[in-house]
Protein backbone atom coordinates (compact mmCIF):
# COMPACT_ATOMS: atom_id res chain seq x y z
CA MET A 1 0.00 0.00 0.00
CA ASN A 2 1.33 3.43 -0.91
CA GLU A 3 2.51 5.26 2.24
CA ALA A 4 1.11 8.54 0.97
CA ASN A 5 -2.32 7.00 0.83
CA THR A 6 -2.24 6.01 4.49
CA SER A 7 -1.59 9.56 5.67
CA GLU A 8 -3.84 11.63 3.43
CA SER A 9 -6.70 13.38 5.22
CA GLY A 10 -8.52 15.30 2.42
CA PRO A 11 -11.57 17.53 2.71
CA ALA A 12 -14.01 14.61 2.52
CA VAL A 13 -12.99 13.47 6.02
CA ALA A 14 -13.42 16.96 7.50
CA SER A 15 -16.85 17.31 5.88
CA GLU A 16 -17.88 13.89 7.15
CA LEU A 17 -16.83 14.72 10.72
CA ALA A 18 -18.71 18.03 10.62
CA GLY A 19 -21.90 16.26 9.61
CA PHE A 20 -21.40 13.72 12.35
CA GLN A 21 -20.93 16.34 15.04
CA LEU A 22 -24.07 18.19 13.95
CA ALA A 23 -26.15 14.98 14.03
CA ALA A 24 -24.60 13.97 17.36
CA ASP A 25 -25.44 17.39 18.83
CA VAL A 26 -29.04 17.11 17.57
CA THR A 27 -29.27 13.64 19.08
CA GLU A 28 -28.17 14.98 22.46
CA ARG A 29 -30.12 18.25 22.31
CA PHE A 30 -33.45 16.63 21.46
CA GLU A 31 -32.74 13.55 23.57
CA LEU A 32 -33.05 11.22 20.60
CA ALA A 33 -32.11 8.26 22.76
CA ASP A 34 -32.81 5.81 19.98
CA LEU A 35 -29.93 7.25 17.90
CA GLU A 36 -27.35 7.22 20.69
CA PRO A 37 -26.11 3.66 19.97
CA LEU A 38 -25.43 4.62 16.33
CA VAL A 39 -23.51 7.70 17.49
CA ARG A 40 -21.35 5.48 19.71
CA ALA A 41 -20.82 2.96 16.89
CA ILE A 42 -19.58 5.68 14.52
CA ARG A 43 -17.15 7.01 17.10
CA THR A 44 -15.72 3.51 17.50
CA GLN A 45 -15.65 2.97 13.74
CA GLY A 46 -13.67 6.16 13.25
CA GLU A 47 -10.71 4.67 15.13
CA LYS A 48 -10.15 1.79 12.69
CA ARG A 49 -6.82 1.51 10.90
CA GLU A 50 -7.74 -1.29 8.49
CA LEU A 51 -10.28 -1.74 5.72
CA SER A 52 -12.71 -4.55 6.46
CA LEU A 53 -13.56 -6.50 3.31
CA ALA A 54 -16.50 -8.63 4.40
CA VAL A 55 -18.16 -11.35 2.32
CA PHE A 56 -21.94 -11.59 2.84
CA GLY A 57 -24.57 -13.74 1.21
CA ARG A 58 -26.95 -16.63 1.49
CA PHE A 59 -25.62 -19.90 2.88
CA ASN A 60 -23.94 -22.27 0.42
CA THR A 61 -22.93 -19.52 -1.99
CA GLY A 62 -19.22 -20.33 -1.61
CA LYS A 63 -18.11 -17.47 0.67
CA SER A 64 -15.70 -19.59 2.72
CA SER A 65 -14.38 -21.40 -0.38
CA PHE A 66 -13.66 -18.04 -1.98
CA LEU A 67 -11.72 -16.77 1.05
CA ASN A 68 -9.79 -20.04 1.31
CA ARG A 69 -8.60 -19.52 -2.27
CA VAL A 70 -7.67 -15.90 -1.60
CA ILE A 71 -5.61 -16.72 1.50
CA GLY A 72 -4.10 -19.76 -0.21
CA ARG A 73 -5.05 -22.50 2.25
CA ALA A 74 -8.09 -24.51 3.39
CA LEU A 75 -8.49 -22.59 6.64
CA LEU A 76 -12.25 -22.02 6.80
CA PRO A 77 -14.71 -24.95 6.98
CA VAL A 78 -16.86 -25.43 3.88
CA GLY A 79 -19.84 -27.64 3.09
CA ALA A 80 -23.15 -28.01 1.28
CA VAL A 81 -25.14 -27.20 4.41
CA PRO A 82 -24.91 -24.07 6.61
CA VAL A 83 -21.38 -24.29 8.05
CA THR A 84 -20.18 -20.97 9.47
CA SER A 85 -21.83 -19.80 12.70
CA VAL A 86 -19.35 -17.14 13.86
CA VAL A 87 -17.80 -14.13 12.12
CA THR A 88 -14.14 -14.78 11.25
CA GLU A 89 -11.63 -11.98 10.60
CA ILE A 90 -8.39 -12.76 8.76
CA SER A 91 -5.55 -10.29 8.32
CA TYR A 92 -1.78 -9.96 8.02
CA GLY A 93 0.31 -10.67 11.10
CA GLY A 94 4.01 -11.10 11.75
CA ALA A 95 3.38 -14.48 13.40
CA GLU A 96 0.82 -17.10 12.47
CA ARG A 97 -1.78 -17.24 15.24
CA ALA A 98 -5.50 -17.24 15.99
CA GLU A 99 -7.66 -16.04 18.85
CA ALA A 100 -11.29 -16.30 19.85
CA VAL A 101 -12.92 -13.22 21.36
CA MET A 102 -15.68 -14.49 23.62
CA LEU A 103 -19.05 -12.81 24.21
CA ASP A 104 -17.96 -11.95 27.76
CA GLY A 105 -14.92 -10.06 26.44
CA ARG A 106 -12.27 -12.69 27.21
CA VAL A 107 -9.68 -13.40 24.50
CA ARG A 108 -8.55 -17.00 24.13
CA ALA A 109 -5.61 -18.15 22.00
CA ILE A 110 -6.53 -21.14 19.82
CA PRO A 111 -4.49 -23.33 17.46
CA LEU A 112 -5.00 -22.47 13.82
CA HIS A 113 -6.12 -26.00 13.03
CA ALA A 114 -8.81 -25.76 15.72
CA ILE A 115 -10.69 -22.68 14.52
CA GLY A 116 -13.35 -24.90 12.96
CA SER A 117 -14.38 -26.02 16.44
CA HIS A 118 -15.21 -22.40 17.24
CA ILE A 119 -16.78 -21.17 13.99
CA ALA A 120 -18.44 -24.24 12.42
CA GLU A 121 -22.14 -24.85 13.04
CA GLY A 122 -21.56 -28.58 13.38
CA GLU A 123 -18.89 -28.23 16.07
CA ASN A 124 -20.30 -25.12 17.76
CA PRO A 125 -24.07 -25.38 17.25
CA ARG A 126 -26.01 -22.19 17.96
CA ASN A 127 -22.65 -20.78 19.05
CA GLU A 128 -22.93 -22.63 22.36
CA LYS A 129 -19.29 -21.80 23.10
CA GLY A 130 -20.17 -18.11 23.26
CA VAL A 131 -17.70 -16.87 20.62
CA ASP A 132 -18.11 -13.28 19.45
CA VAL A 133 -15.51 -13.32 16.68
CA VAL A 134 -12.47 -15.39 15.67
CA ARG A 135 -9.39 -13.49 14.48
CA VAL A 136 -6.65 -15.08 12.39
CA PHE A 137 -3.26 -13.52 11.61
CA LEU A 138 -1.12 -14.85 8.76
CA PRO A 139 2.36 -13.69 7.58
CA SER A 140 1.42 -14.94 4.09
CA LEU A 141 -1.11 -12.10 3.73
CA GLU A 142 1.50 -9.36 3.60
CA ARG A 143 0.21 -8.40 0.14
CA PHE A 144 -3.09 -7.56 1.87
CA ARG A 145 -1.53 -5.49 4.65
CA GLY A 146 -4.08 -2.86 5.66
CA LEU A 147 -7.00 -5.16 4.78
CA ARG A 148 -9.06 -7.40 7.03
CA LEU A 149 -10.88 -10.23 5.26
CA VAL A 150 -14.14 -11.16 6.98
CA ASP A 151 -16.15 -14.35 6.56
CA THR A 152 -19.74 -13.97 7.78
CA PRO A 153 -22.30 -16.70 8.53
CA GLY A 154 -24.69 -17.48 5.69
CA LEU A 155 -28.07 -15.77 5.58
CA GLU A 156 -31.51 -17.35 5.23
CA SER A 157 -30.65 -20.77 6.60
CA LEU A 158 -32.80 -22.48 9.22
CA PHE A 159 -30.29 -21.23 11.79
CA ARG A 160 -31.62 -17.78 12.60
CA HIS A 161 -28.66 -17.06 14.88
CA ASN A 162 -26.33 -17.21 11.84
CA THR A 163 -28.32 -14.48 10.10
CA ASP A 164 -28.35 -12.46 13.33
CA ALA A 165 -24.55 -12.68 13.60
CA SER A 166 -24.03 -11.42 10.04
CA LEU A 167 -26.50 -8.55 10.26
CA ALA A 168 -25.21 -7.50 13.67
CA TRP A 169 -21.68 -7.23 12.28
CA SER A 170 -22.67 -5.42 9.06
CA PRO A 171 -22.32 -1.81 10.39
CA ASN A 172 -18.56 -2.45 10.69
CA VAL A 173 -18.08 -3.07 6.98
CA ASP A 174 -15.87 -0.89 4.76
CA LEU A 175 -15.82 -3.00 1.57
CA ALA A 176 -18.87 -5.25 1.15
CA LEU A 177 -18.75 -8.23 -1.17
CA VAL A 178 -22.11 -9.93 -1.76
CA ALA A 179 -21.67 -13.53 -2.87
CA VAL A 180 -24.33 -14.77 -5.31
CA GLY A 181 -24.35 -18.33 -6.65
CA ALA A 182 -24.52 -18.81 -10.40
CA ASP A 183 -27.18 -21.47 -9.77
CA SER A 184 -29.52 -18.85 -8.22
CA PRO A 185 -28.33 -15.41 -9.33
CA LEU A 186 -29.45 -12.21 -7.61
CA THR A 187 -32.68 -12.97 -5.79
CA GLU A 188 -34.92 -10.43 -4.08
CA GLN A 189 -33.16 -11.28 -0.82
CA ASP A 190 -29.80 -10.42 -2.40
CA ARG A 191 -31.20 -7.05 -3.47
CA GLU A 192 -32.46 -6.36 0.07
CA LEU A 193 -29.05 -7.32 1.48
CA ILE A 194 -27.31 -4.86 -0.84
CA GLU A 195 -29.73 -2.14 0.24
CA ARG A 196 -29.01 -2.85 3.90
CA LEU A 197 -25.25 -2.80 3.38
CA ALA A 198 -25.57 0.46 1.45
CA GLN A 199 -26.58 2.11 4.74
CA PHE A 200 -23.04 1.53 5.99
CA THR A 201 -20.77 1.70 2.94
CA PRO A 202 -20.91 2.72 -0.73
CA ASN A 203 -18.07 0.26 -1.46
CA ILE A 204 -20.19 -2.70 -2.58
CA ALA A 205 -19.39 -5.35 -5.19
CA VAL A 206 -21.08 -8.59 -6.23
CA LEU A 207 -19.21 -11.87 -6.53
CA LEU A 208 -20.82 -14.42 -8.87
CA THR A 209 -19.60 -17.77 -7.53
CA LYS A 210 -19.69 -21.32 -8.92
CA VAL A 211 -19.34 -20.12 -12.51
CA ASP A 212 -17.71 -23.45 -13.37
CA MET A 213 -21.26 -24.86 -13.39
CA LEU A 214 -21.97 -22.87 -16.57
CA ASP A 215 -20.62 -23.20 -20.06
CA SER A 216 -19.38 -20.04 -21.76
CA ASP A 217 -22.74 -19.16 -23.34
CA ASP A 218 -24.70 -19.68 -20.14
CA ARG A 219 -22.12 -17.74 -18.17
CA ARG A 220 -22.46 -14.75 -20.48
CA GLU A 221 -26.23 -14.95 -20.20
CA VAL A 222 -26.12 -15.04 -16.39
CA LEU A 223 -23.58 -12.21 -16.27
CA ASP A 224 -25.74 -10.05 -18.52
CA TYR A 225 -28.78 -10.82 -16.37
CA VAL A 226 -27.07 -9.98 -13.07
CA ASP A 227 -25.40 -6.88 -14.47
CA GLY A 228 -28.70 -5.70 -15.94
CA ARG A 229 -30.51 -6.21 -12.63
CA LEU A 230 -27.82 -4.31 -10.74
CA ARG A 231 -28.02 -1.41 -13.19
CA SER A 232 -31.81 -1.24 -13.05
CA GLU A 233 -32.11 -1.60 -9.26
CA PHE A 234 -29.27 0.65 -8.08
CA ALA A 235 -28.33 4.15 -9.18
CA THR A 236 -24.67 3.66 -8.26
CA PRO A 237 -22.70 1.18 -10.39
CA ILE A 238 -21.90 -2.05 -8.53
CA PRO A 239 -18.84 -3.94 -9.80
CA LEU A 240 -19.43 -7.57 -10.73
CA PHE A 241 -16.74 -10.27 -10.45
CA CYS A 242 -16.80 -13.99 -11.26
CA PHE A 243 -15.22 -16.76 -9.24
CA SER A 244 -14.80 -20.52 -9.09
CA ALA A 245 -12.86 -22.56 -6.54
CA ARG A 246 -12.02 -25.18 -9.19
CA SER A 247 -8.69 -25.42 -10.97
CA GLY A 248 -8.50 -23.62 -14.30
CA PHE A 249 -10.25 -20.47 -13.08
CA GLU A 250 -7.28 -18.82 -11.34
CA GLU A 251 -7.46 -15.79 -13.64
CA LEU A 252 -10.82 -14.85 -12.10
CA GLN A 253 -9.24 -14.65 -8.65
CA ALA A 254 -6.29 -12.70 -10.01
CA ARG A 255 -8.65 -10.19 -11.65
CA PHE A 256 -10.57 -9.73 -8.40
CA GLU A 257 -7.40 -9.10 -6.40
CA ARG A 258 -6.01 -6.73 -9.01
CA ASP A 259 -9.11 -4.73 -9.89
CA HIS A 260 -10.86 -4.70 -6.53
CA VAL A 261 -8.54 -5.44 -3.61
CA GLN A 262 -5.38 -3.71 -4.79
CA ALA A 263 -7.41 -0.80 -6.14
CA ALA A 264 -9.03 -0.37 -2.72
CA LEU A 265 -5.67 -0.51 -0.92
CA ALA A 266 -4.22 2.04 -3.33
CA ALA A 267 -7.07 4.38 -2.39
CA PHE A 268 -7.08 3.36 1.28
CA GLN A 269 -8.03 6.71 2.82
CA SER A 270 -10.73 7.56 0.31
CA ARG A 271 -12.39 4.13 0.65
CA ARG A 272 -12.20 4.29 4.43
CA ALA A 273 -13.57 7.83 4.46
CA ALA A 274 -16.38 6.86 2.07
CA ALA A 275 -17.51 4.03 4.35
CA LEU A 276 -17.40 6.19 7.46
CA GLU A 277 -19.14 9.00 5.62
CA ARG A 278 -21.96 6.66 4.60
CA LYS A 279 -22.47 5.65 8.22
CA VAL A 280 -22.61 9.30 9.19
CA GLU A 281 -25.04 9.94 6.34
CA THR A 282 -27.35 7.28 7.79
CA LEU A 283 -27.18 9.01 11.17
CA VAL A 284 -27.79 12.46 9.64
CA ARG A 285 -30.75 11.20 7.64
CA GLU A 286 -32.34 9.51 10.64
CA ALA A 287 -31.84 12.62 12.80
CA SER A 288 -33.35 14.69 9.99
CA ASP A 289 -36.35 12.34 9.82
CA TYR A 290 -36.93 12.81 13.53
CA LEU A 291 -36.74 16.60 13.27
CA ARG A 292 -39.12 16.68 10.29
CA LEU A 293 -41.56 14.66 12.35
CA ALA A 294 -41.12 17.06 15.29
CA LEU A 295 -41.63 20.09 13.04
CA LYS A 296 -44.81 18.72 11.51
CA SER A 297 -46.09 17.94 14.99
CA ALA A 298 -45.18 21.40 16.32
CA GLU A 299 -47.12 23.01 13.47
CA THR A 300 -50.16 20.84 14.13
CA ALA A 301 -53.09 22.23 16.10
CA ASP A 302 -53.14 21.21 19.74
CA ALA A 303 -56.48 19.45 19.34
CA GLU A 304 -55.04 17.16 16.69
CA ARG A 305 -51.74 16.41 18.36
CA GLU A 306 -52.91 13.86 20.91
CA ASP A 307 -54.90 12.06 18.22
CA LEU A 308 -51.77 11.85 16.06
CA ARG A 309 -49.78 10.51 18.98
CA GLU A 310 -52.21 7.67 19.53
CA ARG A 311 -52.42 6.88 15.82
CA VAL A 312 -48.63 6.52 15.69
CA LEU A 313 -47.78 4.99 19.05
CA GLY A 314 -51.12 3.46 19.95
CA SER A 315 -52.94 3.78 23.24
CA ALA A 316 -51.15 3.74 26.57
CA GLN A 317 -52.57 0.27 27.17
CA ALA A 318 -51.31 -0.97 23.78
CA LEU A 319 -47.82 0.33 24.57
CA ALA A 320 -47.93 -1.28 28.01
CA ASP A 321 -48.99 -4.58 26.45
CA ARG A 322 -46.19 -4.36 23.89
CA LYS A 323 -43.62 -3.71 26.58
CA LEU A 324 -45.11 -6.52 28.65
CA GLN A 325 -44.20 -8.90 25.83
CA LEU A 326 -40.53 -8.20 26.52
CA ARG A 327 -40.97 -9.07 30.19
CA LEU A 328 -42.94 -12.21 29.35
CA ILE A 329 -40.17 -13.36 27.01
CA ALA A 330 -37.70 -13.00 29.87
CA ARG A 331 -40.03 -14.54 32.45
CA HIS A 332 -40.71 -17.60 30.30
CA SER A 333 -37.02 -18.19 29.64
CA ALA A 334 -36.03 -17.54 33.27
CA GLY A 335 -38.66 -20.05 34.39
CA GLY A 336 -37.01 -22.77 32.32
CA THR A 337 -33.41 -21.91 33.20
CA ARG A 338 -33.09 -24.31 36.14
CA ALA A 339 -34.42 -27.22 34.10
CA TRP A 340 -32.05 -26.29 31.26
CA VAL A 341 -28.97 -26.22 33.54
CA GLU A 342 -30.12 -29.34 35.36
CA GLN A 343 -30.61 -31.22 32.11
CA HIS A 344 -27.14 -30.31 30.88
CA LEU A 345 -25.47 -31.35 34.14
CA GLU A 346 -27.49 -34.55 34.28
CA SER A 347 -26.84 -35.60 30.68
CA ALA A 348 -23.25 -34.48 30.32
CA ALA A 349 -21.78 -34.42 33.82
CA ARG A 350 -23.33 -36.52 36.61
CA LYS A 351 -22.55 -40.09 35.50
CA PRO A 352 -18.97 -39.34 34.32
CA LEU A 353 -18.38 -37.47 37.58
CA GLU A 354 -19.73 -40.38 39.63
CA LYS A 355 -17.46 -42.82 37.79
CA ARG A 356 -14.37 -40.66 38.27
CA LEU A 357 -14.99 -40.19 41.99
CA GLU A 358 -15.91 -43.85 42.51
CA ALA A 359 -12.67 -44.90 40.86
CA GLY A 360 -10.71 -42.34 42.83
CA LEU A 361 -12.29 -43.47 46.09
CA GLU A 362 -11.39 -47.10 45.45
CA GLU A 363 -7.77 -46.04 44.95
CA GLU A 364 -7.76 -44.08 48.20
CA LEU A 365 -9.53 -46.53 50.50
CA PRO A 366 -6.57 -48.92 50.96
CA ARG A 367 -4.39 -45.98 52.03
CA TRP A 368 -6.64 -44.96 54.88
CA ARG A 369 -5.74 -46.96 57.99
CA GLY A 370 -6.41 -45.85 61.51
CA SER A 371 -9.27 -45.04 63.84
CA LEU A 372 -12.73 -44.18 62.59
CA GLY A 373 -12.01 -40.54 63.29
CA LYS A 374 -8.84 -40.52 61.19
CA GLU A 375 -10.47 -42.32 58.28
CA LEU A 376 -13.47 -40.00 58.37
CA GLU A 377 -11.16 -36.97 58.32
CA ALA A 378 -9.17 -38.40 55.40
CA PHE A 379 -12.34 -39.21 53.47
CA GLU A 380 -13.88 -35.79 54.06
CA ARG A 381 -10.67 -33.96 53.12
CA TRP A 382 -10.35 -36.01 49.93
CA LEU A 383 -14.01 -35.67 48.91
CA ARG A 384 -14.15 -31.92 49.52
CA ALA A 385 -11.04 -31.33 47.43
CA LYS A 386 -12.14 -33.62 44.59
CA LEU A 387 -15.66 -32.22 44.43
CA ALA A 388 -14.44 -28.62 44.48
CA GLY A 389 -11.98 -29.30 41.65
CA GLU A 390 -14.37 -31.33 39.51
CA LEU A 391 -17.28 -28.91 39.91
CA THR A 392 -15.09 -25.93 39.11
CA VAL A 393 -14.07 -27.58 35.82
CA LEU A 394 -17.69 -28.55 35.06
CA SER A 395 -18.89 -25.02 35.77
CA ALA A 396 -16.30 -23.43 33.49
CA ALA A 397 -16.81 -25.97 30.70
CA GLY A 398 -20.59 -25.62 30.76
CA GLN A 399 -20.77 -21.84 31.06
CA ASN A 400 -21.78 -21.12 27.49
CA GLN A 401 -24.32 -23.95 27.48
CA PHE A 402 -25.85 -22.66 30.72
CA CYS A 403 -26.15 -19.17 29.18
CA GLN A 404 -28.19 -20.36 26.17
CA PRO A 405 -31.50 -19.12 27.71
CA LEU A 406 -29.90 -15.68 28.03
CA ARG A 407 -28.90 -15.63 24.36
CA ASP A 408 -32.40 -16.74 23.36
CA VAL A 409 -33.91 -13.85 25.32
CA GLU A 410 -31.52 -11.37 23.68
CA ARG A 411 -32.46 -12.56 20.18
CA GLN A 412 -36.19 -12.51 20.87
CA CYS A 413 -36.10 -9.07 22.49
CA ARG A 414 -34.09 -7.67 19.59
CA ALA A 415 -36.55 -9.11 17.05
CA ASN A 416 -39.48 -7.71 19.04
CA LEU A 417 -37.93 -4.24 19.15
CA GLN A 418 -37.19 -4.25 15.43
CA SER A 419 -40.76 -5.24 14.67
CA PHE A 420 -41.95 -2.27 16.73
CA ARG A 421 -39.55 0.04 14.87
CA ASP A 422 -40.87 -1.16 11.52
CA GLU A 423 -44.48 -0.59 12.58
CA LEU A 424 -43.70 2.95 13.80
CA SER A 425 -41.90 3.80 10.58
CA GLU A 426 -44.82 2.62 8.48
CA LYS A 427 -47.37 4.64 10.52
CA VAL A 428 -45.25 7.81 10.53
CA GLU A 429 -44.76 7.69 6.77
CA ARG A 430 -48.45 7.07 6.20
CA LEU A 431 -49.56 9.97 8.45
CA PHE A 432 -46.81 12.52 7.89
CA GLY A 433 -45.23 11.53 4.60
CA VAL A 434 -41.91 11.33 6.46
CA PRO A 435 -40.14 7.96 6.75
CA LEU A 436 -38.91 7.15 10.23
CA ARG A 437 -35.67 5.30 9.50
CA THR A 438 -34.05 3.82 12.54
CA THR A 439 -31.01 1.59 12.56
CA GLU A 440 -31.11 -1.53 14.68
CA SER A 441 -28.55 -1.42 17.48
CA GLU A 442 -27.14 -4.27 19.51
CA MET A 443 -27.96 -4.64 23.18
CA GLU A 444 -24.95 -5.00 25.44
CA VAL A 445 -25.59 -8.45 26.89
CA ARG A 446 -22.95 -9.63 29.34
CA PRO A 447 -22.98 -13.35 30.21
CA PRO A 448 -22.55 -14.01 33.95
CA GLU A 449 -19.26 -15.30 35.31
CA SER A 450 -18.89 -18.78 36.76
CA PRO A 451 -19.82 -19.00 40.44
CA ASP A 452 -17.23 -19.79 43.07
CA VAL A 453 -17.46 -23.48 43.90
CA SER A 454 -17.21 -24.58 47.54
CA VAL A 455 -18.24 -27.78 49.27
CA GLY A 456 -19.79 -27.71 52.71
CA LYS A 457 -19.44 -30.15 55.60
CA ILE A 458 -19.57 -33.81 54.64
CA PHE A 459 -20.40 -35.26 58.09
CA ASP A 460 -21.86 -34.07 61.36
CA ARG A 461 -19.05 -33.89 63.89
CA ASN A 462 -20.91 -35.92 66.56
CA TRP A 463 -18.94 -38.99 65.43
CA GLU A 464 -15.92 -37.57 67.27
CA LEU A 465 -17.53 -38.48 70.61
CA ILE A 466 -17.75 -42.19 69.82
CA SER A 467 -15.09 -42.83 67.19
CA TRP A 468 -12.60 -44.15 69.73
CA VAL A 469 -14.88 -47.07 70.72
CA ILE A 470 -15.51 -48.30 67.13
CA PRO A 471 -13.21 -51.24 66.28
CA MET A 472 -12.24 -50.53 62.65
CA ALA A 473 -10.93 -54.04 62.10
CA ILE A 474 -14.53 -55.23 62.38
CA PHE A 475 -16.43 -52.28 60.91
CA ARG A 476 -14.06 -51.01 58.18
CA GLY A 477 -16.10 -52.66 55.42
CA VAL A 478 -19.31 -51.06 56.73
CA VAL A 479 -17.61 -47.67 57.01
CA HIS A 480 -16.22 -47.87 53.49
CA THR A 481 -19.64 -48.79 52.13
CA ARG A 482 -20.94 -45.67 53.86
CA PHE A 483 -18.16 -43.66 52.19
CA ARG A 484 -19.35 -44.88 48.79
CA GLU A 485 -22.96 -43.98 49.57
CA LYS A 486 -21.92 -40.62 50.90
CA THR A 487 -19.88 -39.86 47.80
CA ALA A 488 -22.90 -40.40 45.53
CA ALA A 489 -25.12 -38.34 47.83
CA GLU A 490 -22.63 -35.45 47.97
CA ILE A 491 -22.30 -35.45 44.18
CA GLN A 492 -26.06 -35.10 43.82
CA LYS A 493 -26.29 -32.44 46.55
CA ASN A 494 -23.47 -30.31 45.18
CA LEU A 495 -24.64 -30.62 41.56
CA SER A 496 -28.01 -29.33 42.77
CA ARG A 497 -26.23 -26.48 44.56
CA LEU A 498 -24.24 -25.66 41.40
CA THR A 499 -27.50 -25.71 39.41
CA THR A 500 -28.99 -23.19 41.84
CA GLN A 501 -25.95 -20.92 41.57
CA TRP A 502 -26.09 -20.94 37.77
CA GLU A 503 -29.85 -20.50 37.79
CA GLU A 504 -29.49 -17.37 39.94
CA ARG A 505 -26.75 -15.92 37.74
CA VAL A 506 -28.45 -16.62 34.40
CA THR A 507 -31.88 -15.44 35.54
CA GLY A 508 -30.21 -12.29 36.91
CA ALA A 509 -28.60 -11.68 33.51
CA ILE A 510 -31.94 -12.38 31.79
CA GLU A 511 -33.63 -9.83 34.02
CA SER A 512 -30.91 -7.30 33.21
CA THR A 513 -31.34 -7.96 29.47
CA ALA A 514 -35.11 -7.56 29.73
CA LYS A 515 -34.66 -4.27 31.56
CA GLN A 516 -32.27 -3.09 28.85
CA ALA A 517 -34.76 -4.09 26.14
CA GLY A 518 -37.48 -2.26 28.04
CA GLN A 519 -35.23 0.79 28.23
CA ARG A 520 -34.67 0.66 24.46
CA PHE A 521 -38.43 0.42 24.00
CA ASP A 522 -38.96 3.42 26.29
CA ASP A 523 -36.19 5.38 24.54
CA LEU A 524 -37.88 4.89 21.18
CA THR A 525 -41.40 5.69 22.38
CA ARG A 526 -40.20 8.73 24.37
CA THR A 527 -38.26 10.04 21.41
CA VAL A 528 -41.24 9.74 19.07
CA GLU A 529 -43.65 11.02 21.72
CA ARG A 530 -41.48 14.00 22.53
CA LEU A 531 -41.35 14.95 18.87
CA LEU A 532 -45.07 14.39 18.31
CA LEU A 533 -46.05 16.47 21.32
CA SER A 534 -43.91 19.52 20.59
CA GLU A 535 -46.31 22.12 21.92
CA ASP A 536 -45.53 25.57 20.62
CA ARG A 537 -44.30 27.67 17.75
CA GLU A 538 -41.08 28.46 19.60
CA ARG A 539 -40.21 24.79 19.37
CA ALA A 540 -40.81 24.92 15.62
CA ALA A 541 -38.53 27.96 15.39
CA GLU A 542 -35.84 26.00 17.19
CA ILE A 543 -36.20 22.97 14.95
CA ARG A 544 -36.24 24.69 11.55
CA PRO A 545 -32.63 25.96 11.43
CA LEU A 546 -31.26 22.66 12.70
CA LEU A 547 -33.32 20.74 10.17
CA GLU A 548 -32.08 23.06 7.44
CA GLN A 549 -28.48 22.38 8.48
CA LEU A 550 -29.02 18.63 8.46
CA GLU A 551 -30.71 18.79 5.07
CA ALA A 552 -27.87 20.98 3.80
CA VAL A 553 -25.42 18.29 4.85
CA LEU A 554 -27.48 15.69 3.00
CA ALA A 555 -27.83 17.93 -0.03
CA GLY A 556 -24.09 18.56 -0.01
CA ARG A 557 -23.44 14.84 0.02
CA GLU A 558 -25.85 14.30 -2.85
CA GLY A 559 -24.14 17.10 -4.76
CA GLN A 560 -20.74 15.50 -4.21
CA ALA A 561 -22.13 12.19 -5.39
């Protein structure tokens, strides 16, 4: 990458930042709480020092196969069924290594050959391991220095969580590559995906995969069809590239790297600025939509204003019922959390644990010789230590499985909120002629940490009073049988205690998530309500100049385009 390109800071960046600050100030001034997450996301995005080239598309369109060819090794798992369940980022690094960033923020080093166990649906179903993103660093990608290749889970499979992971990551994109299979070229869903990605970057290209399935005539026909659809559907030209993972099609990959990747790296700053500017444009447009709504409301007669509010937001009871749905989602999931944890411990942990401790006890019993008191002390010391160690390992290993109810609540709450956003937007546009565009934002869900494991008393100490009169030579077999029974009983008791600890932690996190979802719901309704109930002409006078400035920013962007 040309060094001059990495340091340029042209006027486009200054203009973009000015528009952002204006929209951020409007967000704060009018308490547009619903836009605050987007403001924070843009601030974070502005600190990036790499271009993210992310491959999106329906499952089984060859995204992972394409990236494997680009990086020159079979690193990413591929298959005919939905394979990828976690976003994977691949970039240049001085040493070959990989790491998994977990949903709770921890970073775990993993062997390169083991990344499939973290990102593949078959080995990490429903992302039970709680992986946020896997990052891979390869010295062989020096030619792509300054670029981060991103493999996203396939869309529209039966695994809704895969679609969620891709769409949640999409605001981070700088260069978007939409993979479309030659066997099903450019569906309506592909068009909608391109429209969504266009909210976050203008740097979009289409990759027509599996072209080896077509002979030369059919390939030309499909290319003409896809190119024609792209031209008719989108005002901005969208580059179209072909690809096949089979031998004999290497020139297609070379063309893509030359005409798309290297061209983007050569214009690093301008591509990066364009992506960030598009994100800011989305924020400016949404803030402008809110102010137009507020202005129309402020200019509406008082007698009509309350009627408009109810027609947009619904009655107070309807809003309360809608918010209640979020609490019911959490309550239902919390109610099943204990059974979920219990089932996992019972199916995956109890019998293996019993076998390990039974075997360990049989090894220890011959070593314990002495009075009843001494043998009881030795047994209790051994059992407490073994249980504490085993349960600590079980707790850590099962953490992500135990937190599945929490992840289900997060997904359902997010879907519920987005449905409410869509309904509001439709009503506002119908009544005011102003679209209410709001960008979905992620809730900050933090999985609970593992509880501290401790084991209480094994025996009542009353045995100390009589232990000296018990002849162990006669009763040792009876005592040891009691040790075996006590071991099984303590396993059951302490597994139940561990279940209770996890139940309390997960249900607490579920409650916190539900409260956060309720807060997002309140933020959105308060924002819309505040704008709809603007009461006087002074408010309109305050809104007009700010709206004009926002619209001037948008007009300036359109003029530059």
